[in-house]
Amino acid sequence: LVAAREHSTVESDTRFLANINMVSSLAVLVLQATGAGAALAHHVGSRGTLSLMPLIRFVGVVILCWWHCKSGGRPPPLVAFIGLDECTRVMNLAVAKPVRESLWRGLSNEARYEAKPIVDTLANRWGGGSAAFLVSVGSKCLLWMGFVTNNNKQESGAAELFGLPPILCLCLLISAWWAMVSADLGHVRHKIDLELKKRE
């Protein structure tokens, strides 16, 4: 989509993406420096803060699904992708990440330094690789089962489920699951904090 803009060149695309990255980095800095991110996290609590990012992602995917159905499968405008990605990034770095780091509170140093690298690296890398694998396998399974809506799509080899591409269906499922798991993690952390306060 970036390269499909009018008068697109490598230099202009690089400048365009760098400007977007700078704006989102400034937004993170403002949220952290003013304490607005911490105030938001305190206001909605750990459950709400942990669920905030997947909920933003879920709303964004719903908007993309709506656009796909309304426009007859045309790609959405570039601003939709950028808005979704950068809003999620800002919320992650300024609000959600500090709260996620606080989930390790109360653990021994040994447990923290053994488990944290596994969660931070292995789980994240596995998540990205497994998502690509699931989209590829899901698309082939849908084509094999005949989930193609019209001849044009069949000629191009594209499959649809409930009128949506497999990638959007997968994103909807993952975002909803992610929000539920995040809310549950926040609930567990809240119970642990209450137990720790009782022991004090």
C-alpha atoms as a PDB file:
ATOM      1  CA  LEU A   1       0.000   0.000   0.000  1.00  0.00           C
ATOM      2  CA  VAL A   2       2.882   2.356   0.756  1.00  0.00           C
ATOM      3  CA  ALA A   3       4.482   1.668  -2.615  1.00  0.00           C
ATOM      4  CA  ALA A   4       1.108   2.063  -4.361  1.00  0.00           C
ATOM      5  CA  ARG A   5       0.891   5.768  -3.439  1.00  0.00           C
ATOM      6  CA  GLU A   6       1.100   8.362  -6.185  1.00  0.00           C
ATOM      7  CA  HIS A   7       4.645   9.420  -7.138  1.00  0.00           C
ATOM      8  CA  SER A   8       6.079   6.665  -4.928  1.00  0.00           C
ATOM      9  CA  THR A   9       9.851   6.193  -4.846  1.00  0.00           C
ATOM     10  CA  VAL A  10      12.148   4.385  -2.447  1.00  0.00           C
ATOM     11  CA  GLU A  11      13.253   7.696  -0.908  1.00  0.00           C
ATOM     12  CA  SER A  12       9.705   9.045  -0.517  1.00  0.00           C
ATOM     13  CA  ASP A  13       8.471   5.756   0.958  1.00  0.00           C
ATOM     14  CA  THR A  14      11.353   5.732   3.453  1.00  0.00           C
ATOM     15  CA  ARG A  15      10.655   9.358   4.395  1.00  0.00           C
ATOM     16  CA  PHE A  16       6.917   8.656   4.725  1.00  0.00           C
ATOM     17  CA  LEU A  17       7.424   5.680   7.060  1.00  0.00           C
ATOM     18  CA  ALA A  18      10.102   7.522   9.050  1.00  0.00           C
ATOM     19  CA  ASN A  19       7.719  10.446   9.646  1.00  0.00           C
ATOM     20  CA  ILE A  20       5.002   8.071  10.850  1.00  0.00           C
ATOM     21  CA  ASN A  21       7.478   6.355  13.167  1.00  0.00           C
ATOM     22  CA  MET A  22       8.606   9.720  14.547  1.00  0.00           C
ATOM     23  CA  VAL A  23       5.016  10.826  15.246  1.00  0.00           C
ATOM     24  CA  SER A  24       4.180   7.607  17.082  1.00  0.00           C
ATOM     25  CA  SER A  25       7.437   7.805  19.075  1.00  0.00           C
ATOM     26  CA  LEU A  26       6.590  11.391  20.085  1.00  0.00           C
ATOM     27  CA  ALA A  27       3.122  10.228  21.142  1.00  0.00           C
ATOM     28  CA  VAL A  28       4.690   7.540  23.347  1.00  0.00           C
ATOM     29  CA  LEU A  29       7.071  10.108  24.844  1.00  0.00           C
ATOM     30  CA  VAL A  30       4.225  12.543  25.603  1.00  0.00           C
ATOM     31  CA  LEU A  31       2.082   9.824  27.218  1.00  0.00           C
ATOM     32  CA  GLN A  32       4.987   8.669  29.393  1.00  0.00           C
ATOM     33  CA  ALA A  33       6.408  12.099  30.244  1.00  0.00           C
ATOM     34  CA  THR A  34       3.058  13.617  31.215  1.00  0.00           C
ATOM     35  CA  GLY A  35       1.989  10.561  33.190  1.00  0.00           C
ATOM     36  CA  ALA A  36      -1.132  10.187  31.040  1.00  0.00           C
ATOM     37  CA  GLY A  37      -0.280   6.564  30.278  1.00  0.00           C
ATOM     38  CA  ALA A  38       0.163   5.744  33.964  1.00  0.00           C
ATOM     39  CA  ALA A  39      -3.052   7.594  34.822  1.00  0.00           C
ATOM     40  CA  LEU A  40      -4.956   5.601  32.202  1.00  0.00           C
ATOM     41  CA  ALA A  41      -3.502   2.330  33.497  1.00  0.00           C
ATOM     42  CA  HIS A  42      -4.422   3.259  37.078  1.00  0.00           C
ATOM     43  CA  HIS A  43      -7.942   4.282  36.048  1.00  0.00           C
ATOM     44  CA  VAL A  44      -8.861   1.105  34.148  1.00  0.00           C
ATOM     45  CA  GLY A  45      -6.849  -1.282  36.344  1.00  0.00           C
ATOM     46  CA  SER A  46      -4.596  -4.132  35.310  1.00  0.00           C
ATOM     47  CA  ARG A  47      -7.384  -6.118  33.651  1.00  0.00           C
ATOM     48  CA  GLY A  48      -8.508  -3.162  31.558  1.00  0.00           C
ATOM     49  CA  THR A  49      -4.959  -2.124  30.679  1.00  0.00           C
ATOM     50  CA  LEU A  50      -3.922  -5.601  29.572  1.00  0.00           C
ATOM     51  CA  SER A  51      -7.106  -5.901  27.487  1.00  0.00           C
ATOM     52  CA  LEU A  52      -6.725  -2.452  25.950  1.00  0.00           C
ATOM     53  CA  MET A  53      -4.295  -3.370  23.183  1.00  0.00           C
ATOM     54  CA  PRO A  54      -6.108  -6.511  21.961  1.00  0.00           C
ATOM     55  CA  LEU A  55      -9.420  -4.620  22.078  1.00  0.00           C
ATOM     56  CA  ILE A  56      -7.970  -1.827  19.918  1.00  0.00           C
ATOM     57  CA  ARG A  57      -6.672  -4.472  17.530  1.00  0.00           C
ATOM     58  CA  PHE A  58     -10.067  -6.213  17.522  1.00  0.00           C
ATOM     59  CA  VAL A  59     -11.919  -2.965  16.726  1.00  0.00           C
ATOM     60  CA  GLY A  60      -9.431  -2.255  13.944  1.00  0.00           C
ATOM     61  CA  VAL A  61      -9.923  -5.706  12.424  1.00  0.00           C
ATOM     62  CA  VAL A  62     -13.716  -5.283  12.609  1.00  0.00           C
ATOM     63  CA  ILE A  63     -13.333  -2.006  10.687  1.00  0.00           C
ATOM     64  CA  LEU A  64     -11.173  -3.776   8.076  1.00  0.00           C
ATOM     65  CA  CYS A  65     -13.814  -6.528   7.773  1.00  0.00           C
ATOM     66  CA  TRP A  66     -16.516  -3.909   7.305  1.00  0.00           C
ATOM     67  CA  TRP A  67     -14.436  -2.176   4.626  1.00  0.00           C
ATOM     68  CA  HIS A  68     -13.800  -5.483   2.842  1.00  0.00           C
ATOM     69  CA  CYS A  69     -17.528  -6.270   2.672  1.00  0.00           C
ATOM     70  CA  LYS A  70     -18.518  -2.717   1.724  1.00  0.00           C
ATOM     71  CA  SER A  71     -15.906  -2.209  -0.986  1.00  0.00           C
ATOM     72  CA  GLY A  72     -16.235  -5.634  -2.604  1.00  0.00           C
ATOM     73  CA  GLY A  73     -12.795  -6.849  -1.563  1.00  0.00           C
ATOM     74  CA  ARG A  74     -10.761  -3.778  -2.504  1.00  0.00           C
ATOM     75  CA  PRO A  75      -7.812  -3.045  -0.164  1.00  0.00           C
ATOM     76  CA  PRO A  76      -8.534  -0.407   2.490  1.00  0.00           C
ATOM     77  CA  PRO A  77      -6.885   3.017   2.422  1.00  0.00           C
ATOM     78  CA  LEU A  78      -3.347   3.232   3.738  1.00  0.00           C
ATOM     79  CA  VAL A  79      -4.440   5.428   6.645  1.00  0.00           C
ATOM     80  CA  ALA A  80      -6.566   2.568   8.049  1.00  0.00           C
ATOM     81  CA  PHE A  81      -3.572   0.243   8.332  1.00  0.00           C
ATOM     82  CA  ILE A  82      -1.299   2.961   9.671  1.00  0.00           C
ATOM     83  CA  GLY A  83      -3.867   4.153  12.209  1.00  0.00           C
ATOM     84  CA  LEU A  84      -4.453   0.634  13.504  1.00  0.00           C
ATOM     85  CA  ASP A  85      -0.785  -0.315  13.678  1.00  0.00           C
ATOM     86  CA  GLU A  86       0.497   2.924  15.201  1.00  0.00           C
ATOM     87  CA  CYS A  87      -2.346   3.241  17.722  1.00  0.00           C
ATOM     88  CA  THR A  88      -1.623  -0.306  18.897  1.00  0.00           C
ATOM     89  CA  ARG A  89       2.097   0.440  19.049  1.00  0.00           C
ATOM     90  CA  VAL A  90       1.611   3.622  21.084  1.00  0.00           C
ATOM     91  CA  MET A  91      -0.742   1.899  23.543  1.00  0.00           C
ATOM     92  CA  ASN A  92       1.643  -1.017  23.850  1.00  0.00           C
ATOM     93  CA  LEU A  93       4.763   1.015  24.630  1.00  0.00           C
ATOM     94  CA  ALA A  94       3.165   3.778  26.712  1.00  0.00           C
ATOM     95  CA  VAL A  95       0.494   1.890  28.662  1.00  0.00           C
ATOM     96  CA  ALA A  96       0.352  -1.897  28.288  1.00  0.00           C
ATOM     97  CA  LYS A  97       4.061  -2.844  28.391  1.00  0.00           C
ATOM     98  CA  PRO A  98       4.740  -1.347  31.845  1.00  0.00           C
ATOM     99  CA  VAL A  99       1.700  -3.181  33.227  1.00  0.00           C
ATOM    100  CA  ARG A 100       2.804  -6.448  31.584  1.00  0.00           C
ATOM    101  CA  GLU A 101       6.221  -6.055  33.210  1.00  0.00           C
ATOM    102  CA  SER A 102       4.519  -5.652  36.596  1.00  0.00           C
ATOM    103  CA  LEU A 103       3.008  -9.142  36.227  1.00  0.00           C
ATOM    104  CA  TRP A 104       6.412 -10.528  37.236  1.00  0.00           C
ATOM    105  CA  ARG A 105       6.212  -8.822  40.645  1.00  0.00           C
ATOM    106  CA  GLY A 106       6.384 -11.170  43.614  1.00  0.00           C
ATOM    107  CA  LEU A 107       8.294 -13.906  41.796  1.00  0.00           C
ATOM    108  CA  SER A 108      11.731 -14.998  42.896  1.00  0.00           C
ATOM    109  CA  ASN A 109      14.675 -13.753  40.862  1.00  0.00           C
ATOM    110  CA  GLU A 110      15.400 -17.287  39.704  1.00  0.00           C
ATOM    111  CA  ALA A 111      11.849 -17.855  38.446  1.00  0.00           C
ATOM    112  CA  ARG A 112      11.714 -14.434  36.821  1.00  0.00           C
ATOM    113  CA  TYR A 113      14.984 -14.717  34.916  1.00  0.00           C
ATOM    114  CA  GLU A 114      14.278 -18.275  33.796  1.00  0.00           C
ATOM    115  CA  ALA A 115      10.702 -17.722  32.621  1.00  0.00           C
ATOM    116  CA  LYS A 116      10.833 -14.159  31.270  1.00  0.00           C
ATOM    117  CA  PRO A 117      13.222 -14.799  28.334  1.00  0.00           C
ATOM    118  CA  ILE A 118      11.090 -17.765  27.261  1.00  0.00           C
ATOM    119  CA  VAL A 119       7.908 -15.691  27.283  1.00  0.00           C
ATOM    120  CA  ASP A 120       9.494 -12.598  25.723  1.00  0.00           C
ATOM    121  CA  THR A 121      11.387 -14.324  22.899  1.00  0.00           C
ATOM    122  CA  LEU A 122      10.199 -17.850  22.227  1.00  0.00           C
ATOM    123  CA  ALA A 123       6.469 -17.159  22.664  1.00  0.00           C
ATOM    124  CA  ASN A 124       6.567 -13.935  20.617  1.00  0.00           C
ATOM    125  CA  ARG A 125       8.554 -15.491  17.768  1.00  0.00           C
ATOM    126  CA  TRP A 126       6.346 -18.576  17.805  1.00  0.00           C
ATOM    127  CA  GLY A 127       3.274 -16.345  17.670  1.00  0.00           C
ATOM    128  CA  GLY A 128       4.412 -14.599  14.483  1.00  0.00           C
ATOM    129  CA  GLY A 129       5.524 -17.802  12.763  1.00  0.00           C
ATOM    130  CA  SER A 130       2.433 -19.779  13.753  1.00  0.00           C
ATOM    131  CA  ALA A 131       0.113 -16.998  12.514  1.00  0.00           C
ATOM    132  CA  ALA A 132       1.716 -17.113   9.050  1.00  0.00           C
ATOM    133  CA  PHE A 133       1.532 -20.910   9.066  1.00  0.00           C
ATOM    134  CA  LEU A 134      -2.149 -20.919  10.113  1.00  0.00           C
ATOM    135  CA  VAL A 135      -3.104 -18.410   7.399  1.00  0.00           C
ATOM    136  CA  SER A 136      -1.343 -20.460   4.722  1.00  0.00           C
ATOM    137  CA  VAL A 137      -2.778 -23.800   5.869  1.00  0.00           C
ATOM    138  CA  GLY A 138      -6.230 -22.285   6.479  1.00  0.00           C
ATOM    139  CA  SER A 139      -6.367 -20.786   2.988  1.00  0.00           C
ATOM    140  CA  LYS A 140      -5.394 -24.100   1.383  1.00  0.00           C
ATOM    141  CA  CYS A 141      -7.963 -25.989   3.465  1.00  0.00           C
ATOM    142  CA  LEU A 142     -10.702 -23.530   2.508  1.00  0.00           C
ATOM    143  CA  LEU A 143      -9.804 -23.855  -1.181  1.00  0.00           C
ATOM    144  CA  TRP A 144      -9.784 -27.641  -0.859  1.00  0.00           C
ATOM    145  CA  MET A 145     -13.238 -27.576   0.776  1.00  0.00           C
ATOM    146  CA  GLY A 146     -14.547 -25.233  -1.932  1.00  0.00           C
ATOM    147  CA  PHE A 147     -15.015 -22.003   0.049  1.00  0.00           C
ATOM    148  CA  VAL A 148     -14.770 -19.745  -3.001  1.00  0.00           C
ATOM    149  CA  THR A 149     -17.437 -17.142  -3.637  1.00  0.00           C
ATOM    150  CA  ASN A 150     -17.203 -16.520  -7.375  1.00  0.00           C
ATOM    151  CA  ASN A 151     -15.318 -17.443 -10.525  1.00  0.00           C
ATOM    152  CA  ASN A 152     -12.993 -14.448 -10.343  1.00  0.00           C
ATOM    153  CA  LYS A 153     -11.788 -15.474  -6.908  1.00  0.00           C
ATOM    154  CA  GLN A 154     -11.506 -19.074  -8.011  1.00  0.00           C
ATOM    155  CA  GLU A 155      -9.315 -18.087 -10.912  1.00  0.00           C
ATOM    156  CA  SER A 156      -7.039 -16.088  -8.623  1.00  0.00           C
ATOM    157  CA  GLY A 157      -6.986 -18.913  -6.059  1.00  0.00           C
ATOM    158  CA  ALA A 158      -8.389 -16.807  -3.219  1.00  0.00           C
ATOM    159  CA  ALA A 159     -10.684 -18.353  -0.602  1.00  0.00           C
ATOM    160  CA  GLU A 160     -13.255 -16.680   1.613  1.00  0.00           C
ATOM    161  CA  LEU A 161     -15.003 -17.706   4.807  1.00  0.00           C
ATOM    162  CA  PHE A 162     -18.231 -15.856   5.676  1.00  0.00           C
ATOM    163  CA  GLY A 163     -17.341 -13.397   2.918  1.00  0.00           C
ATOM    164  CA  LEU A 164     -13.943 -12.565   4.475  1.00  0.00           C
ATOM    165  CA  PRO A 165     -10.360 -13.574   3.617  1.00  0.00           C
ATOM    166  CA  PRO A 166      -8.862 -16.190   5.978  1.00  0.00           C
ATOM    167  CA  ILE A 167      -6.375 -13.632   7.352  1.00  0.00           C
ATOM    168  CA  LEU A 168      -9.179 -11.383   8.628  1.00  0.00           C
ATOM    169  CA  CYS A 169     -11.075 -14.326  10.152  1.00  0.00           C
ATOM    170  CA  LEU A 170      -7.897 -15.441  11.920  1.00  0.00           C
ATOM    171  CA  CYS A 171      -7.201 -11.892  13.156  1.00  0.00           C
ATOM    172  CA  LEU A 172     -10.728 -11.647  14.582  1.00  0.00           C
ATOM    173  CA  LEU A 173     -10.356 -14.938  16.458  1.00  0.00           C
ATOM    174  CA  ILE A 174      -6.882 -14.136  17.772  1.00  0.00           C
ATOM    175  CA  SER A 175      -7.842 -10.609  18.896  1.00  0.00           C
ATOM    176  CA  ALA A 176     -10.908 -11.878  20.775  1.00  0.00           C
ATOM    177  CA  TRP A 177      -8.903 -14.703  22.384  1.00  0.00           C
ATOM    178  CA  TRP A 178      -6.058 -12.304  23.230  1.00  0.00           C
ATOM    179  CA  ALA A 179      -8.466  -9.905  24.974  1.00  0.00           C
ATOM    180  CA  MET A 180      -9.973 -12.717  27.067  1.00  0.00           C
ATOM    181  CA  VAL A 181      -6.561 -14.103  28.064  1.00  0.00           C
ATOM    182  CA  SER A 182      -5.315 -10.597  28.946  1.00  0.00           C
ATOM    183  CA  ALA A 183      -8.380  -9.923  31.117  1.00  0.00           C
ATOM    184  CA  ASP A 184      -7.869 -13.269  32.860  1.00  0.00           C
ATOM    185  CA  LEU A 185      -4.185 -12.501  33.491  1.00  0.00           C
ATOM    186  CA  GLY A 186      -5.151  -9.167  34.989  1.00  0.00           C
ATOM    187  CA  HIS A 187      -7.690 -10.908  37.233  1.00  0.00           C
ATOM    188  CA  VAL A 188      -5.079 -13.433  38.420  1.00  0.00           C
ATOM    189  CA  ARG A 189      -2.592 -10.622  39.121  1.00  0.00           C
ATOM    190  CA  HIS A 190      -5.254  -8.736  41.081  1.00  0.00           C
ATOM    191  CA  LYS A 191      -5.915 -11.808  43.255  1.00  0.00           C
ATOM    192  CA  ILE A 192      -2.179 -12.296  43.850  1.00  0.00           C
ATOM    193  CA  ASP A 193      -1.831  -8.648  44.907  1.00  0.00           C
ATOM    194  CA  LEU A 194      -4.712  -9.049  47.369  1.00  0.00           C
ATOM    195  CA  GLU A 195      -3.076 -12.150  48.864  1.00  0.00           C
ATOM    196  CA  LEU A 196       0.251 -10.347  49.206  1.00  0.00           C
ATOM    197  CA  LYS A 197      -1.457  -7.443  50.995  1.00  0.00           C
ATOM    198  CA  LYS A 198      -3.131  -9.854  53.434  1.00  0.00           C
ATOM    199  CA  ARG A 199       0.221 -11.424  54.301  1.00  0.00           C
ATOM    200  CA  GLU A 200       1.702  -8.010  55.037  1.00  0.00           C
END
